[in-house]
């Protein structure tokens, strides 16, 4: 069934010069490299600015000091091994510690480092926690990438979640449709499992991670089509990535094509200030302009995305910009009192994250999350 060959060493990438491979070894010693021949085959090696290359090939700029490994302080959300409970109705299960390839801008690159134990192979304690907490209606399977697991193992988890009456939605966060669409197209058992457990009243959602239109190959589109035929709801989320999709035309191309194939844009994320992400981060004001510029170029169904920031205190939507102000609203909040809270900050063209901004009026709980933020 396997059609792709995985590579774990930068020396295996034939498209790079020997000098480049040698230079990048220092980066891969700190932040692991993983790719496959299908995805590397999408790169135009004659173009030094090729977006796929920037997504998957290390660069020395990752060594520039910037941010921290757990930028959204996920460590503070664990309730059981591999189980995060940040928002009242949603639980996250980190059920795999490997991805089909490693995006260089990953916000969970700490999971792929030695001796990290946040993601687990056995999520039985997390499932039992969900069973006991009846307010939980939504479970997100992530990691790592759940679709890199065997179908048998994934089905075992989904079957148990479907036996819990109060769980209405099962979400699977995956970049495998972009990294290796054959994982879907060549596995009828996976599609049969989706059809069995994505029911008329309780759907499975596939949260795809397409970052640029070049990833939407014929094989990737076929993979999403087969998932849809199996009864799964498909949406997409992507961060804004410097040098990849941080231009209105580039982002609009992606949003438009996604809407054509029935994978509407869901979230566009502000790139988190994660360690190693300096080459990919763009300021909030610029990100807002790129996002709004892209929206002007697409029709209604492609406009469904929200521009958000996954902050330690919640998911914050960036909703407005004037000459002197930046406007935000809590889309989801860790503290229930912050839900839907509207906030106004002084405009700062150089700010990358909420913590960099100065509020016009005091923000409740701000002092608390500033004290607790990781360093």
Protein backbone atom coordinates (compact mmCIF):
# COMPACT_ATOMS: atom_id res chain seq x y z
CA UNK A 1 0.00 0.00 0.00
CA UNK A 2 2.84 2.40 0.81
CA UNK A 3 3.68 4.61 -2.16
CA UNK A 4 5.94 7.12 -0.45
CA UNK A 5 9.39 6.86 1.02
CA UNK A 6 10.08 8.74 4.25
CA UNK A 7 13.30 10.63 4.88
CA UNK A 8 14.60 11.50 8.34
CA UNK A 9 18.01 12.94 7.48
CA UNK A 10 18.72 16.12 5.60
CA UNK A 11 21.55 14.30 3.81
CA UNK A 12 18.89 12.28 1.95
CA UNK A 13 17.44 15.36 0.20
CA UNK A 14 18.91 15.21 -3.29
CA UNK A 15 17.58 18.63 -4.30
CA UNK A 16 20.00 20.39 -1.95
CA UNK A 17 23.67 21.01 -2.69
CA UNK A 18 26.22 19.17 -0.50
CA UNK A 19 27.17 22.52 1.06
CA UNK A 20 23.53 23.28 1.93
CA UNK A 21 23.00 19.85 3.44
CA UNK A 22 26.09 20.30 5.59
CA UNK A 23 25.02 23.76 6.72
CA UNK A 24 21.55 22.56 7.72
CA UNK A 25 22.78 19.70 9.89
CA UNK A 26 23.10 22.09 12.84
CA UNK A 27 19.39 22.97 12.49
CA UNK A 28 18.22 19.36 12.30
CA UNK A 29 20.23 18.47 15.38
CA UNK A 30 18.02 20.88 17.32
CA UNK A 31 14.72 20.65 15.42
CA UNK A 32 14.09 17.30 13.77
CA UNK A 33 13.63 16.87 10.04
CA UNK A 34 11.15 14.50 8.42
CA UNK A 35 9.72 14.49 4.90
CA UNK A 36 8.79 12.09 2.10
CA UNK A 37 9.52 11.79 -1.59
CA UNK A 38 5.95 12.69 -2.65
CA UNK A 39 5.97 16.02 -0.82
CA UNK A 40 9.56 16.84 -1.75
CA UNK A 41 8.55 16.13 -5.34
CA UNK A 42 6.26 19.18 -5.25
CA UNK A 43 9.24 21.51 -4.84
CA UNK A 44 10.54 23.56 -7.76
CA UNK A 45 14.22 23.41 -6.82
CA UNK A 46 15.05 26.11 -9.36
CA UNK A 47 13.00 28.58 -7.31
CA UNK A 48 14.80 29.55 -4.08
CA UNK A 49 11.51 31.00 -2.79
CA UNK A 50 9.41 27.90 -3.52
CA UNK A 51 6.70 27.73 -0.80
CA UNK A 52 6.80 23.94 -0.37
CA UNK A 53 10.55 24.16 0.12
CA UNK A 54 10.06 26.79 2.80
CA UNK A 55 7.44 24.66 4.58
CA UNK A 56 9.53 21.49 4.79
CA UNK A 57 13.25 22.26 4.31
CA UNK A 58 15.14 23.61 7.36
CA UNK A 59 16.83 26.98 7.25
CA UNK A 60 19.52 28.52 9.42
CA UNK A 61 17.16 31.31 10.48
CA UNK A 62 15.44 28.80 12.77
CA UNK A 63 18.45 29.12 15.07
CA UNK A 64 17.73 32.82 15.73
CA UNK A 65 16.52 33.27 19.33
CA UNK A 66 12.75 33.75 19.33
CA UNK A 67 9.80 32.79 21.53
CA UNK A 68 9.59 29.57 23.53
CA UNK A 69 8.77 25.94 22.83
CA UNK A 70 5.29 26.06 24.41
CA UNK A 71 4.11 29.45 23.22
CA UNK A 72 0.44 28.85 24.12
CA UNK A 73 1.27 27.21 27.45
CA UNK A 74 -0.42 23.91 26.65
CA UNK A 75 1.38 22.41 29.63
CA UNK A 76 -1.20 24.10 31.87
CA UNK A 77 -4.14 22.28 30.20
CA UNK A 78 -3.32 18.61 30.91
CA UNK A 79 -5.86 16.59 32.90
CA UNK A 80 -4.59 13.09 32.02
CA UNK A 81 -1.74 11.64 29.92
CA UNK A 82 -2.02 13.03 26.39
CA UNK A 83 -5.23 14.85 27.33
CA UNK A 84 -5.80 18.61 27.35
CA UNK A 85 -8.99 20.29 28.56
CA UNK A 86 -8.79 24.04 27.94
CA UNK A 87 -12.34 24.89 26.85
CA UNK A 88 -15.36 23.53 28.73
CA UNK A 89 -16.91 21.51 25.89
CA UNK A 90 -13.75 20.45 24.04
CA UNK A 91 -11.07 17.93 24.96
CA UNK A 92 -7.86 17.40 22.97
CA UNK A 93 -6.27 13.94 22.74
CA UNK A 94 -2.62 13.94 21.66
CA UNK A 95 -2.70 10.38 20.41
CA UNK A 96 0.42 10.31 18.24
CA UNK A 97 3.87 11.84 18.51
CA UNK A 98 4.86 11.61 14.82
CA UNK A 99 3.72 13.48 11.69
CA UNK A 100 3.91 12.55 8.03
CA UNK A 101 6.51 15.32 7.76
CA UNK A 102 7.59 18.14 10.04
CA UNK A 103 6.54 21.67 9.12
CA UNK A 104 9.37 23.99 10.01
CA UNK A 105 6.93 26.43 11.66
CA UNK A 106 5.26 23.79 13.84
CA UNK A 107 4.00 25.11 17.17
CA UNK A 108 4.40 21.66 18.78
CA UNK A 109 7.93 20.87 17.64
CA UNK A 110 8.70 20.12 21.30
CA UNK A 111 6.72 16.86 20.87
CA UNK A 112 9.29 15.60 18.39
CA UNK A 113 12.23 16.24 20.67
CA UNK A 114 13.85 13.57 22.82
CA UNK A 115 12.26 12.74 26.18
CA UNK A 116 8.99 14.59 25.51
CA UNK A 117 6.06 12.61 26.86
CA UNK A 118 3.07 14.87 26.15
CA UNK A 119 1.70 12.68 23.33
CA UNK A 120 0.94 9.10 24.33
CA UNK A 121 0.16 5.83 22.58
CA UNK A 122 -2.47 4.91 25.16
CA UNK A 123 -5.22 7.52 25.58
CA UNK A 124 -7.47 5.28 27.68
CA UNK A 125 -7.20 7.59 30.71
CA UNK A 126 -8.21 10.52 28.52
CA UNK A 127 -11.20 8.63 27.14
CA UNK A 128 -12.27 7.74 30.67
CA UNK A 129 -11.94 11.41 31.63
CA UNK A 130 -14.21 12.34 28.71
CA UNK A 131 -16.70 9.68 29.75
CA UNK A 132 -16.92 11.16 33.26
CA UNK A 133 -17.28 14.77 32.10
CA UNK A 134 -20.67 15.05 30.46
CA UNK A 135 -20.23 18.69 29.40
CA UNK A 136 -17.67 17.55 26.80
CA UNK A 137 -19.34 17.37 23.38
CA UNK A 138 -16.32 17.82 21.11
CA UNK A 139 -13.10 15.76 21.00
CA UNK A 140 -10.11 16.68 18.85
CA UNK A 141 -7.62 13.97 17.91
CA UNK A 142 -4.22 15.46 17.21
CA UNK A 143 -0.57 15.03 18.05
CA UNK A 144 1.46 14.46 15.88
CA UNK A 145 -0.85 13.30 13.18
CA UNK A 146 -3.64 10.79 13.92
CA UNK A 147 -3.76 9.67 10.27
CA UNK A 148 -0.19 8.43 10.53
CA UNK A 149 -1.45 5.79 12.95
CA UNK A 150 -2.74 2.48 11.66
CA UNK A 151 -6.42 2.41 10.75
CA UNK A 152 -6.94 -0.29 13.36
CA UNK A 153 -5.53 1.87 16.15
CA UNK A 154 -7.41 4.98 15.03
CA UNK A 155 -10.65 3.00 14.77
CA UNK A 156 -10.15 1.71 18.32
CA UNK A 157 -10.06 5.28 19.64
CA UNK A 158 -12.98 6.51 17.54
CA UNK A 159 -15.13 3.49 18.43
CA UNK A 160 -14.67 4.21 22.15
CA UNK A 161 -15.53 7.87 21.69
CA UNK A 162 -18.66 6.96 19.72
CA UNK A 163 -19.80 4.84 22.68
CA UNK A 164 -19.95 8.01 24.81
CA UNK A 165 -23.41 9.53 24.35
CA UNK A 166 -22.47 13.13 25.11
CA UNK A 167 -19.66 13.28 22.50
CA UNK A 168 -21.29 14.72 19.39
CA UNK A 169 -18.27 15.72 17.32
CA UNK A 170 -14.98 13.93 16.70
CA UNK A 171 -12.38 16.07 14.97
CA UNK A 172 -9.19 14.78 13.38
CA UNK A 173 -6.45 17.34 12.84
CA UNK A 174 -4.26 16.14 9.97
CA UNK A 175 -1.84 17.33 7.31
CA UNK A 176 -1.66 13.87 5.73
CA UNK A 177 -3.94 14.92 2.82
CA UNK A 178 -1.15 17.34 1.88
CA UNK A 179 1.88 15.30 2.96
CA UNK A 180 0.72 11.87 1.74
CA UNK A 181 -2.78 11.69 0.20
CA UNK A 182 -2.21 8.01 -0.61
CA UNK A 183 -2.73 7.30 3.08
CA UNK A 184 -6.38 7.98 2.32
CA UNK A 185 -6.82 6.98 -1.31
CA UNK A 186 -5.12 3.59 -0.87
CA UNK A 187 -6.86 2.52 2.35
CA UNK A 188 -10.48 1.45 1.84
CA UNK A 189 -10.60 0.28 5.48
CA UNK A 190 -9.98 3.85 6.65
CA UNK A 191 -12.81 5.16 4.48
CA UNK A 192 -15.13 2.38 5.65
CA UNK A 193 -14.33 3.26 9.25
CA UNK A 194 -15.13 6.91 8.59
CA UNK A 195 -18.44 5.92 6.99
CA UNK A 196 -19.33 3.79 10.00
CA UNK A 197 -18.64 6.37 12.69
CA UNK A 198 -19.53 9.64 10.91
CA UNK A 199 -23.26 9.27 11.36
CA UNK A 200 -26.27 11.36 10.38
CA UNK A 201 -26.48 12.88 13.86
CA UNK A 202 -22.84 12.75 14.99
CA UNK A 203 -20.25 13.71 12.42
CA UNK A 204 -16.52 13.24 12.13
CA UNK A 205 -14.72 16.38 10.98
CA UNK A 206 -11.38 16.29 9.17
CA UNK A 207 -9.46 19.46 9.95
CA UNK A 208 -7.05 19.56 7.01
CA UNK A 209 -3.86 21.62 7.01
CA UNK A 210 -3.29 22.95 3.51
CA UNK A 211 -1.01 25.99 3.65
CA UNK A 212 -0.60 26.85 -0.06
CA UNK A 213 -2.49 26.09 -3.25
CA UNK A 214 0.46 24.03 -4.56
CA UNK A 215 -0.42 21.35 -2.02
CA UNK A 216 -3.83 20.87 -3.64
CA UNK A 217 -2.65 18.31 -6.16
CA UNK A 218 -4.97 15.95 -8.02
CA UNK A 219 -4.10 13.25 -5.47
CA UNK A 220 -4.85 15.52 -2.51
CA UNK A 221 -8.16 16.61 -4.01
CA UNK A 222 -9.12 12.98 -4.63
CA UNK A 223 -8.28 12.14 -1.00
CA UNK A 224 -10.56 14.90 0.28
CA UNK A 225 -13.31 13.83 -2.13
CA UNK A 226 -13.20 10.23 -0.85
CA UNK A 227 -13.33 11.42 2.75
CA UNK A 228 -16.36 13.55 1.92
CA UNK A 229 -18.07 10.59 0.21
CA UNK A 230 -17.53 8.65 3.45
CA UNK A 231 -19.67 11.21 5.27
CA UNK A 232 -16.90 13.23 6.90
CA UNK A 233 -17.17 17.03 7.08
CA UNK A 234 -14.02 18.68 5.75
CA UNK A 235 -12.59 22.11 6.61
CA UNK A 236 -9.15 23.68 6.49
CA UNK A 237 -6.93 25.67 8.81
CA UNK A 238 -3.57 27.26 8.21
CA UNK A 239 -1.26 29.71 9.92
CA UNK A 240 -0.05 32.80 8.14
CA UNK A 241 3.52 31.87 7.28
CA UNK A 242 6.18 34.33 6.27
CA UNK A 243 7.43 33.67 2.75
CA UNK A 244 4.72 31.05 2.13
CA UNK A 245 1.21 32.51 2.15
CA UNK A 246 1.70 36.00 3.59
CA UNK A 247 0.46 37.87 0.52
CA UNK A 248 -3.24 38.56 -0.20
CA UNK A 249 -3.03 36.95 -3.65
CA UNK A 250 -1.36 33.81 -2.32
CA UNK A 251 -3.79 33.38 0.55
CA UNK A 252 -6.78 34.14 -1.70
CA UNK A 253 -5.67 31.47 -4.18
CA UNK A 254 -5.67 28.90 -1.38
CA UNK A 255 -9.00 30.01 0.11
CA UNK A 256 -10.67 30.07 -3.31
CA UNK A 257 -9.50 26.60 -4.37
CA UNK A 258 -10.43 25.13 -0.99
CA UNK A 259 -13.96 26.46 -1.34
CA UNK A 260 -14.21 24.92 -4.83
CA UNK A 261 -13.39 21.42 -3.52
CA UNK A 262 -15.69 21.59 -0.50
CA UNK A 263 -13.01 22.20 2.13
CA UNK A 264 -13.97 25.68 3.33
CA UNK A 265 -11.41 27.75 5.23
CA UNK A 266 -12.06 27.53 8.98
CA UNK A 267 -9.23 29.26 10.84
CA UNK A 268 -6.30 31.33 9.65
CA UNK A 269 -3.88 31.48 12.57
CA UNK A 270 -1.41 34.09 13.63
CA UNK A 271 1.90 32.18 13.60
CA UNK A 272 2.74 31.43 17.23
CA UNK A 273 5.97 32.80 18.74
CA UNK A 274 7.36 29.29 19.08
CA UNK A 275 11.09 28.74 19.42
CA UNK A 276 12.60 28.35 15.96
CA UNK A 277 9.76 30.21 14.21
CA UNK A 278 11.45 33.57 13.66
CA UNK A 279 11.69 33.11 9.85
CA UNK A 280 7.95 32.44 9.61
CA UNK A 281 6.37 34.92 12.03
CA UNK A 282 4.80 38.12 10.76
CA UNK A 283 3.49 41.06 12.84
CA UNK A 284 -0.19 41.15 13.77
CA UNK A 285 -0.98 44.30 11.81
CA UNK A 286 0.59 42.93 8.65
CA UNK A 287 -1.18 39.61 9.13
CA UNK A 288 -4.52 41.39 9.49
CA UNK A 289 -3.92 43.30 6.25
CA UNK A 290 -2.98 40.12 4.38
CA UNK A 291 -6.08 38.33 5.65
CA UNK A 292 -8.48 41.16 4.83
CA UNK A 293 -6.83 41.67 1.46
CA UNK A 294 -7.37 37.99 0.65
CA UNK A 295 -11.02 38.14 1.71
CA UNK A 296 -11.65 40.90 -0.82
CA UNK A 297 -10.63 38.54 -3.61
CA UNK A 298 -12.90 35.56 -2.83
CA UNK A 299 -16.61 34.78 -2.73
CA UNK A 300 -18.75 34.20 0.34
CA UNK A 301 -18.05 30.54 1.08
CA UNK A 302 -14.30 31.23 1.01
CA UNK A 303 -14.78 34.11 3.45
CA UNK A 304 -15.84 31.85 6.32
CA UNK A 305 -12.39 31.77 7.90
CA UNK A 306 -11.60 33.73 11.05
CA UNK A 307 -8.20 35.26 11.73
CA UNK A 308 -7.34 34.05 15.21
CA UNK A 309 -4.55 33.74 17.73
CA UNK A 310 -4.28 30.61 19.91
CA UNK A 311 -3.17 32.35 23.07
CA UNK A 312 -2.69 30.73 26.48
CA UNK A 313 -5.87 32.48 27.65
CA UNK A 314 -8.00 31.44 24.68
CA UNK A 315 -8.61 31.69 20.97
CA UNK A 316 -8.73 35.38 20.15
CA UNK A 317 -10.16 36.73 16.91
CA UNK A 318 -8.52 39.79 15.36
CA UNK A 319 -11.52 41.77 14.16
CA UNK A 320 -10.51 45.33 13.32
CA UNK A 321 -7.73 47.82 12.71
CA UNK A 322 -7.64 51.63 12.62
CA UNK A 323 -4.85 54.16 12.49
CA UNK A 324 -4.35 53.95 16.26
CA UNK A 325 -6.20 50.84 17.49
CA UNK A 326 -6.29 47.06 17.09
CA UNK A 327 -9.58 45.34 18.00
CA UNK A 328 -9.92 41.78 19.25
CA UNK A 329 -12.55 39.45 20.68
CA UNK A 330 -12.36 36.17 22.55
CA UNK A 331 -13.73 33.50 20.23
CA UNK A 332 -13.06 30.85 22.89
CA UNK A 333 -11.76 31.54 26.38
CA UNK A 334 -10.10 29.41 29.02
CA UNK A 335 -11.73 31.54 31.69
CA UNK A 336 -15.50 31.45 31.09
CA UNK A 337 -15.83 35.10 32.14
CA UNK A 338 -13.73 36.09 29.11
CA UNK A 339 -16.02 34.43 26.54
CA UNK A 340 -16.92 36.95 23.82
CA UNK A 341 -14.96 39.67 25.63
CA UNK A 342 -14.11 42.59 23.32
CA UNK A 343 -10.68 44.20 23.72
CA UNK A 344 -9.06 47.31 22.32
CA UNK A 345 -5.29 47.71 22.10
CA UNK A 346 -2.97 50.43 20.96
CA UNK A 347 -1.83 49.73 17.45
CA UNK A 348 1.73 48.44 17.31
CA UNK A 349 3.00 47.55 13.84
CA UNK A 350 5.87 45.53 15.34
CA UNK A 351 3.81 43.37 17.74
CA UNK A 352 3.68 39.63 17.02
CA UNK A 353 1.51 38.41 19.89
CA UNK A 354 -1.13 39.51 22.36
CA UNK A 355 1.44 39.84 25.12
CA UNK A 356 3.26 42.51 23.06
CA UNK A 357 0.23 44.82 22.95
CA UNK A 358 -0.78 47.59 25.34
CA UNK A 359 -4.55 47.67 26.14
CA UNK A 360 -6.47 50.93 25.90
CA UNK A 361 -8.52 49.85 28.93
CA UNK A 362 -7.59 47.29 31.60
CA UNK A 363 -8.22 43.68 30.52
CA UNK A 364 -9.44 41.37 33.32
CA UNK A 365 -7.13 38.38 34.00
CA UNK A 366 -4.36 39.94 31.86
CA UNK A 367 -1.96 40.18 34.80
CA UNK A 368 -2.61 36.52 35.58
CA UNK A 369 -1.82 35.18 32.12
CA UNK A 370 1.21 37.42 31.81
CA UNK A 371 2.57 35.94 35.05
CA UNK A 372 1.85 32.36 33.94
CA UNK A 373 3.16 32.60 30.38
CA UNK A 374 6.07 30.30 29.55
CA UNK A 375 9.54 31.73 29.18
